[in-house]
C-alpha atoms as a PDB file:
ATOM      1  CA  MET A   1     -28.470 -47.426 -35.486  1.00  0.00           C
ATOM      2  CA  GLU A   2     -28.683 -46.546 -31.883  1.00  0.00           C
ATOM      3  CA  ILE A   3     -26.177 -44.129 -30.319  1.00  0.00           C
ATOM      4  CA  LYS A   4     -25.307 -44.952 -26.792  1.00  0.00           C
ATOM      5  CA  SER A   5     -24.927 -41.940 -24.516  1.00  0.00           C
ATOM      6  CA  ARG A   6     -23.231 -41.772 -21.222  1.00  0.00           C
ATOM      7  CA  LYS A   7     -25.473 -42.055 -18.261  1.00  0.00           C
ATOM      8  CA  ARG A   8     -23.738 -39.213 -16.486  1.00  0.00           C
ATOM      9  CA  GLN A   9     -20.541 -37.296 -17.073  1.00  0.00           C
ATOM     10  CA  GLN A  10     -18.228 -36.933 -14.127  1.00  0.00           C
ATOM     11  CA  GLY A  11     -15.096 -34.916 -13.377  1.00  0.00           C
ATOM     12  CA  VAL A  12     -13.577 -31.906 -15.039  1.00  0.00           C
ATOM     13  CA  THR A  13     -11.734 -31.667 -18.287  1.00  0.00           C
ATOM     14  CA  MET A  14      -8.058 -30.889 -18.604  1.00  0.00           C
ATOM     15  CA  ILE A  15      -8.933 -27.514 -20.146  1.00  0.00           C
ATOM     16  CA  SER A  16     -11.002 -26.598 -17.065  1.00  0.00           C
ATOM     17  CA  VAL A  17      -8.144 -27.540 -14.757  1.00  0.00           C
ATOM     18  CA  ALA A  18      -5.685 -25.490 -16.829  1.00  0.00           C
ATOM     19  CA  PHE A  19      -8.075 -22.515 -16.818  1.00  0.00           C
ATOM     20  CA  PHE A  20      -8.502 -22.568 -13.034  1.00  0.00           C
ATOM     21  CA  LEU A  21      -4.767 -23.021 -12.468  1.00  0.00           C
ATOM     22  CA  GLY A  22      -4.170 -20.031 -14.751  1.00  0.00           C
ATOM     23  CA  LEU A  23      -6.626 -17.923 -12.733  1.00  0.00           C
ATOM     24  CA  LEU A  24      -5.000 -19.024  -9.504  1.00  0.00           C
ATOM     25  CA  ALA A  25      -1.522 -18.171 -10.833  1.00  0.00           C
ATOM     26  CA  PHE A  26      -2.770 -14.740 -11.955  1.00  0.00           C
ATOM     27  CA  ALA A  27      -4.228 -14.037  -8.502  1.00  0.00           C
ATOM     28  CA  VAL A  28      -1.064 -15.197  -6.707  1.00  0.00           C
ATOM     29  CA  PHE A  29       1.110 -13.083  -9.037  1.00  0.00           C
ATOM     30  CA  THR A  30      -1.026 -10.008  -8.299  1.00  0.00           C
ATOM     31  CA  VAL A  31      -0.890 -10.562  -4.535  1.00  0.00           C
ATOM     32  CA  LEU A  32       2.887 -11.030  -4.640  1.00  0.00           C
ATOM     33  CA  LYS A  33       3.253  -7.733  -6.511  1.00  0.00           C
ATOM     34  CA  LEU A  34       0.981  -5.794  -4.118  1.00  0.00           C
ATOM     35  CA  PHE A  35       2.049  -7.306  -0.796  1.00  0.00           C
ATOM     36  CA  PRO A  36       5.324  -5.333  -0.327  1.00  0.00           C
ATOM     37  CA  VAL A  37       3.597  -2.062  -1.224  1.00  0.00           C
ATOM     38  CA  TYR A  38       0.878  -2.583   1.367  1.00  0.00           C
ATOM     39  CA  MET A  39       3.389  -3.655   4.017  1.00  0.00           C
ATOM     40  CA  GLU A  40       5.275  -0.418   3.418  1.00  0.00           C
ATOM     41  CA  SER A  41       2.023   1.555   3.610  1.00  0.00           C
ATOM     42  CA  PHE A  42       1.306   0.026   7.034  1.00  0.00           C
ATOM     43  CA  THR A  43       4.736   1.242   8.157  1.00  0.00           C
ATOM     44  CA  VAL A  44       3.985   4.741   6.847  1.00  0.00           C
ATOM     45  CA  ALA A  45       0.594   4.783   8.582  1.00  0.00           C
ATOM     46  CA  SER A  46       2.208   3.620  11.827  1.00  0.00           C
ATOM     47  CA  SER A  47       4.888   6.322  11.614  1.00  0.00           C
ATOM     48  CA  VAL A  48       2.294   9.037  10.996  1.00  0.00           C
ATOM     49  CA  LYS A  49       0.118   7.744  13.839  1.00  0.00           C
ATOM     50  CA  ASN A  50       3.140   7.700  16.171  1.00  0.00           C
ATOM     51  CA  LEU A  51       3.585  11.422  15.566  1.00  0.00           C
ATOM     52  CA  GLU A  52       0.198  11.994  17.216  1.00  0.00           C
ATOM     53  CA  ASN A  53       1.129   9.916  20.256  1.00  0.00           C
ATOM     54  CA  ARG A  54       4.483  11.576  20.975  1.00  0.00           C
ATOM     55  CA  THR A  55       4.546  13.800  24.023  1.00  0.00           C
ATOM     56  CA  GLU A  56       7.147  16.333  22.880  1.00  0.00           C
ATOM     57  CA  GLU A  57       6.058  19.475  21.123  1.00  0.00           C
ATOM     58  CA  TYR A  58       7.678  20.395  17.848  1.00  0.00           C
ATOM     59  CA  MET A  59       9.213  23.793  17.217  1.00  0.00           C
ATOM     60  CA  GLY A  60       8.222  24.045  13.576  1.00  0.00           C
ATOM     61  CA  ALA A  61       6.908  22.367  10.473  1.00  0.00           C
ATOM     62  CA  LYS A  62      10.460  21.478   9.415  1.00  0.00           C
ATOM     63  CA  ALA A  63      11.040  19.625  12.706  1.00  0.00           C
ATOM     64  CA  VAL A  64       7.858  17.591  12.171  1.00  0.00           C
ATOM     65  CA  ARG A  65       8.863  16.744   8.599  1.00  0.00           C
ATOM     66  CA  ASP A  66      12.408  15.855   9.684  1.00  0.00           C
ATOM     67  CA  ALA A  67      11.143  13.573  12.475  1.00  0.00           C
ATOM     68  CA  LEU A  68       8.881  11.799  10.018  1.00  0.00           C
ATOM     69  CA  MET A  69      11.614  11.425   7.381  1.00  0.00           C
ATOM     70  CA  LYS A  70      14.016  10.107  10.043  1.00  0.00           C
ATOM     71  CA  ASN A  71      11.425   7.517  11.048  1.00  0.00           C
ATOM     72  CA  PHE A  72      10.960   6.546   7.387  1.00  0.00           C
ATOM     73  CA  GLY A  73      14.728   6.139   7.040  1.00  0.00           C
ATOM     74  CA  VAL A  74      14.940   3.877  10.078  1.00  0.00           C
ATOM     75  CA  ASN A  75      12.046   1.751   8.783  1.00  0.00           C
ATOM     76  CA  ASN A  76      13.442   1.633   5.220  1.00  0.00           C
ATOM     77  CA  VAL A  77      10.445   3.347   3.624  1.00  0.00           C
ATOM     78  CA  THR A  78      11.362   4.211   0.039  1.00  0.00           C
ATOM     79  CA  ALA A  79       8.000   5.121  -1.498  1.00  0.00           C
ATOM     80  CA  VAL A  80       7.595   8.446   0.349  1.00  0.00           C
ATOM     81  CA  SER A  81       9.689  11.504  -0.428  1.00  0.00           C
ATOM     82  CA  ALA A  82       9.816  14.869   1.335  1.00  0.00           C
ATOM     83  CA  GLU A  83       7.565  16.326  -1.388  1.00  0.00           C
ATOM     84  CA  ASP A  84       4.816  13.874  -0.394  1.00  0.00           C
ATOM     85  CA  ILE A  85       4.655  15.284   3.139  1.00  0.00           C
ATOM     86  CA  SER A  86       2.581  18.388   3.811  1.00  0.00           C
ATOM     87  CA  VAL A  87       2.792  20.083   7.216  1.00  0.00           C
ATOM     88  CA  THR A  88       0.553  23.086   7.933  1.00  0.00           C
ATOM     89  CA  ARG A  89      -0.029  24.892  11.200  1.00  0.00           C
ATOM     90  CA  GLU A  90      -3.539  25.494  12.435  1.00  0.00           C
ATOM     91  CA  ASP A  91      -3.916  27.076  15.876  1.00  0.00           C
ATOM     92  CA  GLN A  92      -1.951  24.905  18.329  1.00  0.00           C
ATOM     93  CA  MET A  93      -1.700  21.898  15.991  1.00  0.00           C
ATOM     94  CA  TYR A  94       0.326  20.845  12.975  1.00  0.00           C
ATOM     95  CA  LEU A  95      -1.749  19.069  10.351  1.00  0.00           C
ATOM     96  CA  VAL A  96       0.432  16.419   8.735  1.00  0.00           C
ATOM     97  CA  ASP A  97      -0.646  14.864   5.431  1.00  0.00           C
ATOM     98  CA  VAL A  98       1.342  12.116   3.763  1.00  0.00           C
ATOM     99  CA  ASN A  99      -0.212  11.485   0.362  1.00  0.00           C
ATOM    100  CA  TYR A 100       1.643   9.358  -2.165  1.00  0.00           C
ATOM    101  CA  GLU A 101       1.134   6.864  -4.939  1.00  0.00           C
ATOM    102  CA  VAL A 102       3.119   3.829  -5.941  1.00  0.00           C
ATOM    103  CA  ARG A 103       3.357   2.502  -9.490  1.00  0.00           C
ATOM    104  CA  ILE A 104       4.151  -1.176  -9.756  1.00  0.00           C
ATOM    105  CA  PRO A 105       5.268  -2.606 -13.101  1.00  0.00           C
ATOM    106  CA  TYR A 106       2.912  -5.509 -13.734  1.00  0.00           C
ATOM    107  CA  ILE A 107       3.016  -7.124 -17.160  1.00  0.00           C
ATOM    108  CA  LYS A 108       4.893  -5.535 -20.070  1.00  0.00           C
ATOM    109  CA  ASN A 109       3.417  -2.020 -20.393  1.00  0.00           C
ATOM    110  CA  LEU A 110       0.747  -2.470 -17.699  1.00  0.00           C
ATOM    111  CA  SER A 111       1.252  -1.028 -14.247  1.00  0.00           C
ATOM    112  CA  LEU A 112      -0.690  -1.141 -11.009  1.00  0.00           C
ATOM    113  CA  VAL A 113      -1.211   2.242  -9.341  1.00  0.00           C
ATOM    114  CA  VAL A 114      -1.943   2.374  -5.616  1.00  0.00           C
ATOM    115  CA  THR A 115      -2.695   5.649  -3.813  1.00  0.00           C
ATOM    116  CA  PHE A 116      -2.320   6.163  -0.073  1.00  0.00           C
ATOM    117  CA  GLU A 117      -3.404   9.039   2.196  1.00  0.00           C
ATOM    118  CA  ASN A 118      -2.391   9.390   5.843  1.00  0.00           C
ATOM    119  CA  HIS A 119      -3.249  12.244   8.199  1.00  0.00           C
ATOM    120  CA  ALA A 120      -2.208  13.257  11.699  1.00  0.00           C
ATOM    121  CA  GLU A 121      -2.609  16.174  14.090  1.00  0.00           C
ATOM    122  CA  VAL A 122       0.551  16.948  16.034  1.00  0.00           C
ATOM    123  CA  PRO A 123       0.684  19.386  18.972  1.00  0.00           C
ATOM    124  CA  ALA A 124       2.598  22.605  18.230  1.00  0.00           C
ATOM    125  CA  ARG A 125       4.365  25.014  20.475  1.00  0.00           C
END
């Protein structure tokens, strides 16, 4: 008895399609979870960078921190708190560090953790 075989298989199976659609859905889900966090981080980086470009001189570390927090309030930044902002004076400059991390609930007990660091040098009086 002779078994006939196909000359050539073509196409993909339904399982392959389901697998690739599952991978695509996983990737889209991850991007949708991370996108708002990165958009907010761009706002934070812009606010910190704007401190460097301002022409006025600040009277103290508290004034620098307050200006930054006011800018965060206007831009609706919720991930950064006052404890995440470090302002130290060095000669005629204030060194501003905004270091924070964001935890994003992902799936059940899994979370994504993203860490951001921003630095600026602001003229002091």
